[in-house]
Amino acid sequence: ISPQRGGGGQILINGPNPSVWEKLTVVMLGSNRLALRASGGQYFSLQNAPGNPVTATADSIGDWEIFEAVPFPDGQMAFRVFTSGFLTVGTGTELVGTGGLDDTGKFSFVLYP
């Protein structure tokens, strides 16, 4: 998951190797709810626009920045968005909030020291 450096806060699912742009901060909000903050300080935010893109543009946490973590027995996670969909890869490599509970909406995480 790679927030892009330019304006617009686009988030792509294409980072070949971890770099400073892929460093995310998870803000735990309780009850399996969390917010994701990009290295630039902005929070991931579901947009009420065609395709429900998710961008790293919010300066604070509101309903549109809260994700509910849904764990799977295989160790992967899905993240429910405010509009009841799930984070997934869109038609290109962009992060969107229109997925379902299937393999395209499941994520694994690698933690680096």
C-alpha atoms as a PDB file:
ATOM      1  CA  ILE A   1       0.000   0.000   0.000  1.00  0.00           C
ATOM      2  CA  SER A   2       1.760   3.109  -1.237  1.00  0.00           C
ATOM      3  CA  PRO A   3       0.453   6.664  -0.690  1.00  0.00           C
ATOM      4  CA  GLN A   4       1.759   8.793  -3.570  1.00  0.00           C
ATOM      5  CA  ARG A   5       3.917  11.869  -3.023  1.00  0.00           C
ATOM      6  CA  GLY A   6       2.093  14.243  -5.364  1.00  0.00           C
ATOM      7  CA  GLY A   7      -1.104  16.189  -4.744  1.00  0.00           C
ATOM      8  CA  GLY A   8      -4.427  14.412  -4.561  1.00  0.00           C
ATOM      9  CA  GLY A   9      -3.364  11.836  -1.984  1.00  0.00           C
ATOM     10  CA  GLN A  10      -3.807   8.863  -4.321  1.00  0.00           C
ATOM     11  CA  ILE A  11      -3.017   5.476  -2.746  1.00  0.00           C
ATOM     12  CA  LEU A  12      -1.758   2.679  -4.979  1.00  0.00           C
ATOM     13  CA  ILE A  13      -1.323  -1.021  -4.285  1.00  0.00           C
ATOM     14  CA  ASN A  14       1.950  -1.315  -6.157  1.00  0.00           C
ATOM     15  CA  GLY A  15       4.890  -0.707  -3.816  1.00  0.00           C
ATOM     16  CA  PRO A  16       7.612  -3.132  -4.982  1.00  0.00           C
ATOM     17  CA  ASN A  17       9.746  -2.672  -1.855  1.00  0.00           C
ATOM     18  CA  PRO A  18       9.153  -0.953   1.456  1.00  0.00           C
ATOM     19  CA  SER A  19      10.250   2.677   1.502  1.00  0.00           C
ATOM     20  CA  VAL A  20       9.411   5.722   3.584  1.00  0.00           C
ATOM     21  CA  TRP A  21       6.176   6.150   1.563  1.00  0.00           C
ATOM     22  CA  GLU A  22       4.902   2.716   2.608  1.00  0.00           C
ATOM     23  CA  LYS A  23       5.380   3.377   6.327  1.00  0.00           C
ATOM     24  CA  LEU A  24       1.922   3.605   7.862  1.00  0.00           C
ATOM     25  CA  THR A  25       0.839   4.371  11.390  1.00  0.00           C
ATOM     26  CA  VAL A  26      -2.130   2.404  12.697  1.00  0.00           C
ATOM     27  CA  VAL A  27      -4.249   4.414  15.134  1.00  0.00           C
ATOM     28  CA  MET A  28      -6.311   1.973  17.212  1.00  0.00           C
ATOM     29  CA  LEU A  29      -9.761   3.358  18.066  1.00  0.00           C
ATOM     30  CA  GLY A  30     -11.212   0.358  19.948  1.00  0.00           C
ATOM     31  CA  SER A  31     -13.774  -2.316  18.973  1.00  0.00           C
ATOM     32  CA  ASN A  32     -11.706  -3.490  15.952  1.00  0.00           C
ATOM     33  CA  ARG A  33     -11.802   0.055  14.545  1.00  0.00           C
ATOM     34  CA  LEU A  34      -8.723   1.897  13.346  1.00  0.00           C
ATOM     35  CA  ALA A  35      -7.415   4.743  11.222  1.00  0.00           C
ATOM     36  CA  LEU A  36      -4.376   4.612   8.921  1.00  0.00           C
ATOM     37  CA  ARG A  37      -1.963   7.559   8.749  1.00  0.00           C
ATOM     38  CA  ALA A  38       0.479   7.960   5.873  1.00  0.00           C
ATOM     39  CA  SER A  39       4.073   9.066   6.424  1.00  0.00           C
ATOM     40  CA  GLY A  40       3.105  12.623   5.391  1.00  0.00           C
ATOM     41  CA  GLY A  41       0.672  12.838   8.319  1.00  0.00           C
ATOM     42  CA  GLN A  42      -2.636  12.592   6.442  1.00  0.00           C
ATOM     43  CA  TYR A  43      -5.165   9.891   7.234  1.00  0.00           C
ATOM     44  CA  PHE A  44      -6.576   7.447   4.711  1.00  0.00           C
ATOM     45  CA  SER A  45     -10.048   8.691   3.809  1.00  0.00           C
ATOM     46  CA  LEU A  46     -12.854   7.054   1.817  1.00  0.00           C
ATOM     47  CA  GLN A  47     -14.123   9.525  -0.789  1.00  0.00           C
ATOM     48  CA  ASN A  48     -17.824   9.905  -1.595  1.00  0.00           C
ATOM     49  CA  ALA A  49     -17.113   9.898  -5.336  1.00  0.00           C
ATOM     50  CA  PRO A  50     -17.583   7.454  -8.227  1.00  0.00           C
ATOM     51  CA  GLY A  51     -15.664   4.248  -7.486  1.00  0.00           C
ATOM     52  CA  ASN A  52     -15.226   5.195  -3.795  1.00  0.00           C
ATOM     53  CA  PRO A  53     -11.482   5.922  -4.002  1.00  0.00           C
ATOM     54  CA  VAL A  54      -9.489   6.030  -0.773  1.00  0.00           C
ATOM     55  CA  THR A  55      -6.979   8.856  -0.526  1.00  0.00           C
ATOM     56  CA  ALA A  56      -4.437  10.024   2.057  1.00  0.00           C
ATOM     57  CA  THR A  57      -5.886  13.526   2.391  1.00  0.00           C
ATOM     58  CA  ALA A  58      -7.639  13.892   5.761  1.00  0.00           C
ATOM     59  CA  ASP A  59      -6.052  16.012   8.480  1.00  0.00           C
ATOM     60  CA  SER A  60      -8.180  14.440  11.224  1.00  0.00           C
ATOM     61  CA  ILE A  61     -10.209  11.295  11.930  1.00  0.00           C
ATOM     62  CA  GLY A  62     -13.952  11.307  11.209  1.00  0.00           C
ATOM     63  CA  ASP A  63     -16.423   8.653  10.049  1.00  0.00           C
ATOM     64  CA  TRP A  64     -14.877   8.500   6.555  1.00  0.00           C
ATOM     65  CA  GLU A  65     -11.399   7.752   8.008  1.00  0.00           C
ATOM     66  CA  ILE A  66     -12.408   4.859  10.289  1.00  0.00           C
ATOM     67  CA  PHE A  67     -11.971   1.258   9.140  1.00  0.00           C
ATOM     68  CA  GLU A  68     -13.244  -1.860  10.895  1.00  0.00           C
ATOM     69  CA  ALA A  69     -10.743  -4.732  10.908  1.00  0.00           C
ATOM     70  CA  VAL A  70     -12.270  -8.122  10.047  1.00  0.00           C
ATOM     71  CA  PRO A  71      -9.792 -10.963  10.755  1.00  0.00           C
ATOM     72  CA  PHE A  72      -9.690 -14.200   8.761  1.00  0.00           C
ATOM     73  CA  PRO A  73      -8.488 -17.580  10.127  1.00  0.00           C
ATOM     74  CA  ASP A  74      -5.565 -17.541   7.651  1.00  0.00           C
ATOM     75  CA  GLY A  75      -4.068 -14.443   9.320  1.00  0.00           C
ATOM     76  CA  GLN A  76      -5.226 -11.978   6.677  1.00  0.00           C
ATOM     77  CA  MET A  77      -7.483  -8.985   7.359  1.00  0.00           C
ATOM     78  CA  ALA A  78     -10.256  -7.174   5.530  1.00  0.00           C
ATOM     79  CA  PHE A  79     -11.143  -3.560   6.316  1.00  0.00           C
ATOM     80  CA  ARG A  80     -14.793  -2.466   6.240  1.00  0.00           C
ATOM     81  CA  VAL A  81     -15.353   1.166   5.248  1.00  0.00           C
ATOM     82  CA  PHE A  82     -18.014   3.678   6.333  1.00  0.00           C
ATOM     83  CA  THR A  83     -20.311   2.780   3.413  1.00  0.00           C
ATOM     84  CA  SER A  84     -20.257  -0.978   4.272  1.00  0.00           C
ATOM     85  CA  GLY A  85     -17.875  -2.028   1.456  1.00  0.00           C
ATOM     86  CA  PHE A  86     -14.319  -3.204   2.051  1.00  0.00           C
ATOM     87  CA  LEU A  87     -10.911  -1.884   1.000  1.00  0.00           C
ATOM     88  CA  THR A  88      -9.760  -3.523  -2.219  1.00  0.00           C
ATOM     89  CA  VAL A  89      -7.693  -2.901  -5.344  1.00  0.00           C
ATOM     90  CA  GLY A  90      -9.693  -0.933  -7.928  1.00  0.00           C
ATOM     91  CA  THR A  91      -9.656  -1.292 -11.711  1.00  0.00           C
ATOM     92  CA  GLY A  92      -6.042  -0.164 -11.853  1.00  0.00           C
ATOM     93  CA  THR A  93      -3.856  -0.357  -8.787  1.00  0.00           C
ATOM     94  CA  GLU A  94      -5.668   2.289  -6.725  1.00  0.00           C
ATOM     95  CA  LEU A  95      -7.120   1.627  -3.285  1.00  0.00           C
ATOM     96  CA  VAL A  96     -10.938   1.791  -3.249  1.00  0.00           C
ATOM     97  CA  GLY A  97     -13.707   1.033  -0.773  1.00  0.00           C
ATOM     98  CA  THR A  98     -16.023  -1.074  -2.917  1.00  0.00           C
ATOM     99  CA  GLY A  99     -14.755  -4.601  -2.243  1.00  0.00           C
ATOM    100  CA  GLY A 100     -16.385  -7.618  -0.702  1.00  0.00           C
ATOM    101  CA  LEU A 101     -15.206 -10.375   1.609  1.00  0.00           C
ATOM    102  CA  ASP A 102     -13.195 -12.239  -1.000  1.00  0.00           C
ATOM    103  CA  ASP A 103      -9.530 -12.661  -1.900  1.00  0.00           C
ATOM    104  CA  THR A 104      -9.313  -9.201  -3.552  1.00  0.00           C
ATOM    105  CA  GLY A 105     -10.390  -7.544  -0.300  1.00  0.00           C
ATOM    106  CA  LYS A 106      -7.987  -9.402   2.013  1.00  0.00           C
ATOM    107  CA  PHE A 107      -4.626  -7.996   3.080  1.00  0.00           C
ATOM    108  CA  SER A 108      -1.548  -9.405   4.789  1.00  0.00           C
ATOM    109  CA  PHE A 109       0.990  -7.283   6.593  1.00  0.00           C
ATOM    110  CA  VAL A 110       4.725  -7.641   7.012  1.00  0.00           C
ATOM    111  CA  LEU A 111       6.139  -5.815  10.002  1.00  0.00           C
ATOM    112  CA  TYR A 112       9.667  -4.468   9.748  1.00  0.00           C
ATOM    113  CA  PRO A 113      11.807  -3.496  12.733  1.00  0.00           C
END
